Amino acid sequence: MENVRDPREHVNEEPRDDLMDVVFGFGGMLGFMTIAFAVAVIVKFIIS
C-alpha cells in the first residue's frame, strides 16, 4: 500500500447498511424519548 490516500486501495473491512443504521438509531432514540416523556409525565402527576 504505497499510496495511503488512494481510497481504491483500502478494503471495506466491515460493510454496513447505512439505511438500517439510521432506522435503528432513529427508532432507538424515539423509543428512549417516548419512555423519558412518559416518566416525566408520571412524575409530574405524582408531584402535583
N, C-alpha and C. Protein backbone atom coordinates (compact mmCIF):
# COMPACT_ATOMS: atom_id res chain seq x y z
N MET A 1 0.85 -1.17 0.00
CA MET A 1 0.00 0.00 0.00
C MET A 1 0.89 1.23 0.00
N GLU A 2 1.32 1.62 -1.17
CA GLU A 2 2.23 2.76 -1.25
C GLU A 2 1.50 4.09 -1.08
N ASN A 3 0.37 4.23 -1.77
CA ASN A 3 -0.36 5.49 -1.69
C ASN A 3 -1.50 5.32 -0.68
N VAL A 4 -1.28 5.77 0.55
CA VAL A 4 -2.28 5.57 1.60
C VAL A 4 -3.49 6.48 1.41
N ARG A 5 -3.41 7.48 0.56
CA ARG A 5 -4.54 8.38 0.34
C ARG A 5 -5.47 7.92 -0.78
N ASP A 6 -5.10 6.83 -1.46
CA ASP A 6 -5.92 6.32 -2.56
C ASP A 6 -7.01 5.43 -1.99
N PRO A 7 -8.28 5.85 -2.07
CA PRO A 7 -9.35 5.05 -1.45
C PRO A 7 -9.56 3.71 -2.12
N ARG A 8 -9.10 3.53 -3.35
CA ARG A 8 -9.29 2.24 -4.03
C ARG A 8 -8.44 1.15 -3.40
N GLU A 9 -7.41 1.51 -2.67
CA GLU A 9 -6.54 0.51 -2.08
C GLU A 9 -6.97 0.09 -0.68
N HIS A 10 -7.99 0.70 -0.15
CA HIS A 10 -8.48 0.35 1.18
C HIS A 10 -9.67 -0.58 1.04
N VAL A 11 -9.56 -1.77 1.61
CA VAL A 11 -10.68 -2.70 1.54
C VAL A 11 -11.72 -2.29 2.58
N ASN A 12 -12.95 -2.58 2.25
CA ASN A 12 -14.03 -2.30 3.18
C ASN A 12 -14.10 -3.44 4.18
N GLU A 13 -13.49 -3.26 5.36
CA GLU A 13 -13.39 -4.35 6.32
C GLU A 13 -14.76 -4.74 6.87
N GLU A 14 -15.63 -3.77 7.05
CA GLU A 14 -16.91 -4.05 7.68
C GLU A 14 -18.02 -3.38 6.88
N PRO A 15 -18.60 -4.09 5.93
CA PRO A 15 -19.67 -3.49 5.13
C PRO A 15 -20.89 -3.19 6.00
N ARG A 16 -21.47 -2.04 5.80
CA ARG A 16 -22.60 -1.59 6.61
C ARG A 16 -23.80 -1.27 5.73
N ASP A 17 -24.97 -1.42 6.30
CA ASP A 17 -26.19 -0.97 5.65
C ASP A 17 -26.57 0.35 6.31
N ASP A 18 -26.23 1.45 5.66
CA ASP A 18 -26.41 2.76 6.28
C ASP A 18 -27.87 3.08 6.57
N LEU A 19 -28.77 2.67 5.68
CA LEU A 19 -30.18 2.96 5.90
C LEU A 19 -30.68 2.27 7.17
N MET A 20 -30.31 1.01 7.34
CA MET A 20 -30.78 0.31 8.54
C MET A 20 -30.13 0.89 9.80
N ASP A 21 -28.88 1.34 9.71
CA ASP A 21 -28.26 2.00 10.85
C ASP A 21 -29.05 3.25 11.25
N VAL A 22 -29.48 4.02 10.26
CA VAL A 22 -30.26 5.23 10.54
C VAL A 22 -31.62 4.85 11.12
N VAL A 23 -32.26 3.82 10.54
CA VAL A 23 -33.58 3.41 11.03
C VAL A 23 -33.49 2.93 12.48
N PHE A 24 -32.49 2.11 12.79
CA PHE A 24 -32.35 1.63 14.16
C PHE A 24 -31.99 2.77 15.12
N GLY A 25 -31.14 3.67 14.68
CA GLY A 25 -30.78 4.82 15.51
C GLY A 25 -31.98 5.71 15.79
N PHE A 26 -32.75 6.00 14.74
CA PHE A 26 -33.93 6.84 14.89
C PHE A 26 -34.96 6.15 15.79
N GLY A 27 -35.18 4.86 15.54
CA GLY A 27 -36.16 4.12 16.35
C GLY A 27 -35.74 4.02 17.80
N GLY A 28 -34.46 3.77 18.02
CA GLY A 28 -33.97 3.68 19.40
C GLY A 28 -34.09 5.01 20.13
N MET A 29 -33.74 6.10 19.45
CA MET A 29 -33.85 7.40 20.09
C MET A 29 -35.30 7.78 20.32
N LEU A 30 -36.18 7.46 19.36
CA LEU A 30 -37.61 7.74 19.53
C LEU A 30 -38.17 6.95 20.72
N GLY A 31 -37.79 5.69 20.83
CA GLY A 31 -38.25 4.88 21.96
C GLY A 31 -37.75 5.43 23.28
N PHE A 32 -36.49 5.81 23.33
CA PHE A 32 -35.93 6.37 24.57
C PHE A 32 -36.63 7.67 24.95
N MET A 33 -36.86 8.56 23.97
CA MET A 33 -37.52 9.83 24.27
C MET A 33 -38.98 9.61 24.68
N THR A 34 -39.64 8.61 24.09
CA THR A 34 -41.02 8.31 24.48
C THR A 34 -41.08 7.84 25.93
N ILE A 35 -40.15 6.97 26.31
CA ILE A 35 -40.11 6.49 27.70
C ILE A 35 -39.77 7.63 28.64
N ALA A 36 -38.81 8.48 28.26
CA ALA A 36 -38.44 9.62 29.11
C ALA A 36 -39.63 10.56 29.29
N PHE A 37 -40.39 10.79 28.22
CA PHE A 37 -41.56 11.66 28.30
C PHE A 37 -42.62 11.06 29.22
N ALA A 38 -42.86 9.75 29.08
CA ALA A 38 -43.86 9.09 29.92
C ALA A 38 -43.46 9.16 31.40
N VAL A 39 -42.19 8.94 31.69
CA VAL A 39 -41.71 9.01 33.08
C VAL A 39 -41.87 10.43 33.61
N ALA A 40 -41.56 11.44 32.78
CA ALA A 40 -41.70 12.83 33.22
C ALA A 40 -43.16 13.17 33.51
N VAL A 41 -44.07 12.68 32.67
CA VAL A 41 -45.50 12.95 32.89
C VAL A 41 -45.97 12.27 34.18
N ILE A 42 -45.55 11.03 34.40
CA ILE A 42 -45.95 10.31 35.62
C ILE A 42 -45.40 11.03 36.85
N VAL A 43 -44.15 11.45 36.82
CA VAL A 43 -43.55 12.16 37.95
C VAL A 43 -44.29 13.47 38.20
N LYS A 44 -44.67 14.18 37.14
CA LYS A 44 -45.40 15.44 37.31
C LYS A 44 -46.75 15.21 38.00
N PHE A 45 -47.45 14.15 37.58
CA PHE A 45 -48.74 13.87 38.22
C PHE A 45 -48.58 13.43 39.66
N ILE A 46 -47.50 12.73 39.97
CA ILE A 46 -47.28 12.30 41.35
C ILE A 46 -46.97 13.51 42.23
N ILE A 47 -46.18 14.44 41.70
CA ILE A 47 -45.80 15.62 42.48
C ILE A 47 -47.01 16.53 42.73
N SER A 48 -47.86 16.70 41.72
CA SER A 48 -48.98 17.64 41.87
C SER A 48 -50.29 16.97 42.24
